[in-house]
C-alpha atoms as a PDB file:
ATOM      1  CA  MET A   1    -155.262 -58.215  66.510  1.00  0.00           C
ATOM      2  CA  THR A   2    -157.053 -58.959  63.097  1.00  0.00           C
ATOM      3  CA  GLN A   3    -154.059 -57.563  61.215  1.00  0.00           C
ATOM      4  CA  GLY A   4    -151.933 -60.330  62.780  1.00  0.00           C
ATOM      5  CA  MET A   5    -154.479 -62.861  62.032  1.00  0.00           C
ATOM      6  CA  VAL A   6    -154.467 -61.854  58.285  1.00  0.00           C
ATOM      7  CA  GLU A   7    -150.636 -61.720  57.910  1.00  0.00           C
ATOM      8  CA  ILE A   8    -149.747 -65.335  59.839  1.00  0.00           C
ATOM      9  CA  THR A   9    -151.950 -67.110  57.539  1.00  0.00           C
ATOM     10  CA  SER A  10    -151.677 -67.985  53.932  1.00  0.00           C
ATOM     11  CA  LEU A  11    -155.283 -67.222  53.784  1.00  0.00           C
ATOM     12  CA  GLY A  12    -156.544 -64.166  51.613  1.00  0.00           C
ATOM     13  CA  GLU A  13    -159.488 -63.368  53.675  1.00  0.00           C
ATOM     14  CA  ILE A  14    -161.240 -64.152  57.091  1.00  0.00           C
ATOM     15  CA  VAL A  15    -164.943 -64.404  57.224  1.00  0.00           C
ATOM     16  CA  ALA A  16    -167.221 -64.030  60.092  1.00  0.00           C
ATOM     17  CA  ILE A  17    -171.279 -64.895  60.198  1.00  0.00           C
ATOM     18  CA  VAL A  18    -173.145 -62.804  62.774  1.00  0.00           C
ATOM     19  CA  ARG A  19    -176.866 -63.540  63.467  1.00  0.00           C
ATOM     20  CA  PRO A  20    -178.890 -60.211  62.393  1.00  0.00           C
ATOM     21  CA  PHE A  21    -180.130 -59.727  66.242  1.00  0.00           C
ATOM     22  CA  ASN A  22    -176.574 -60.120  67.434  1.00  0.00           C
ATOM     23  CA  ALA A  23    -175.765 -56.354  67.491  1.00  0.00           C
ATOM     24  CA  PRO A  24    -172.868 -56.413  70.034  1.00  0.00           C
ATOM     25  CA  PHE A  25    -171.046 -59.096  68.202  1.00  0.00           C
ATOM     26  CA  ARG A  26    -171.756 -57.369  64.967  1.00  0.00           C
ATOM     27  CA  ARG A  27    -170.280 -53.828  66.625  1.00  0.00           C
ATOM     28  CA  VAL A  28    -167.150 -56.054  67.576  1.00  0.00           C
ATOM     29  CA  VAL A  29    -166.710 -57.551  64.068  1.00  0.00           C
ATOM     30  CA  GLU A  30    -167.261 -54.192  62.255  1.00  0.00           C
ATOM     31  CA  LYS A  31    -164.661 -52.615  64.702  1.00  0.00           C
ATOM     32  CA  ALA A  32    -162.063 -55.460  64.010  1.00  0.00           C
ATOM     33  CA  GLY A  33    -162.227 -54.448  60.457  1.00  0.00           C
ATOM     34  CA  PHE A  34    -164.401 -56.578  58.919  1.00  0.00           C
ATOM     35  CA  GLU A  35    -166.766 -55.213  56.211  1.00  0.00           C
ATOM     36  CA  HIS A  36    -170.510 -56.521  55.417  1.00  0.00           C
ATOM     37  CA  ARG A  37    -170.971 -58.141  52.163  1.00  0.00           C
ATOM     38  CA  ARG A  38    -174.525 -59.359  52.031  1.00  0.00           C
ATOM     39  CA  ARG A  39    -176.851 -61.051  54.167  1.00  0.00           C
ATOM     40  CA  VAL A  40    -176.974 -65.258  53.304  1.00  0.00           C
ATOM     41  CA  THR A  41    -179.342 -68.073  54.304  1.00  0.00           C
ATOM     42  CA  LEU A  42    -177.499 -71.233  55.706  1.00  0.00           C
ATOM     43  CA  SER A  43    -178.055 -74.766  55.887  1.00  0.00           C
ATOM     44  CA  ASP A  44    -179.998 -74.195  59.148  1.00  0.00           C
ATOM     45  CA  GLN A  45    -182.340 -72.109  57.172  1.00  0.00           C
ATOM     46  CA  CYS A  46    -181.742 -68.748  59.594  1.00  0.00           C
ATOM     47  CA  GLU A  47    -180.409 -65.688  58.365  1.00  0.00           C
ATOM     48  CA  TYR A  48    -177.004 -64.591  58.904  1.00  0.00           C
ATOM     49  CA  ASP A  49    -174.645 -61.143  57.957  1.00  0.00           C
ATOM     50  CA  TYR A  50    -171.869 -62.032  56.160  1.00  0.00           C
ATOM     51  CA  PHE A  51    -168.476 -60.099  56.713  1.00  0.00           C
ATOM     52  CA  ILE A  52    -164.976 -60.491  55.137  1.00  0.00           C
ATOM     53  CA  LEU A  53    -161.761 -59.167  56.191  1.00  0.00           C
ATOM     54  CA  SER A  54    -159.297 -59.029  53.432  1.00  0.00           C
ATOM     55  CA  LYS A  55    -155.416 -59.167  53.200  1.00  0.00           C
ATOM     56  CA  ALA A  56    -155.715 -56.560  50.645  1.00  0.00           C
ATOM     57  CA  LYS A  57    -157.639 -54.167  52.913  1.00  0.00           C
ATOM     58  CA  GLU A  58    -155.146 -54.495  55.807  1.00  0.00           C
ATOM     59  CA  ARG A  59    -152.202 -53.229  53.426  1.00  0.00           C
ATOM     60  CA  ARG A  60    -154.337 -49.855  52.735  1.00  0.00           C
END
C-alpha cells in the first residue's frame, strides 16, 4: 500500500509522526516501511517520533 502511495504522488517522501507511548501505531508505521529518523517537539510542546518513507527507499 505504501509503495503505491509514494509512486502515485509527485512527492519524494511521506512523513508520519507518532506519540512515543503509541507503540501499536508505531509498529504499523514501521511495518509499512517507514524509518524512524528522530524525536521532535512540536508546537503543542509534546514529543513525537518522526518517521519517513522516501521514494528512493521504495525503489531498492
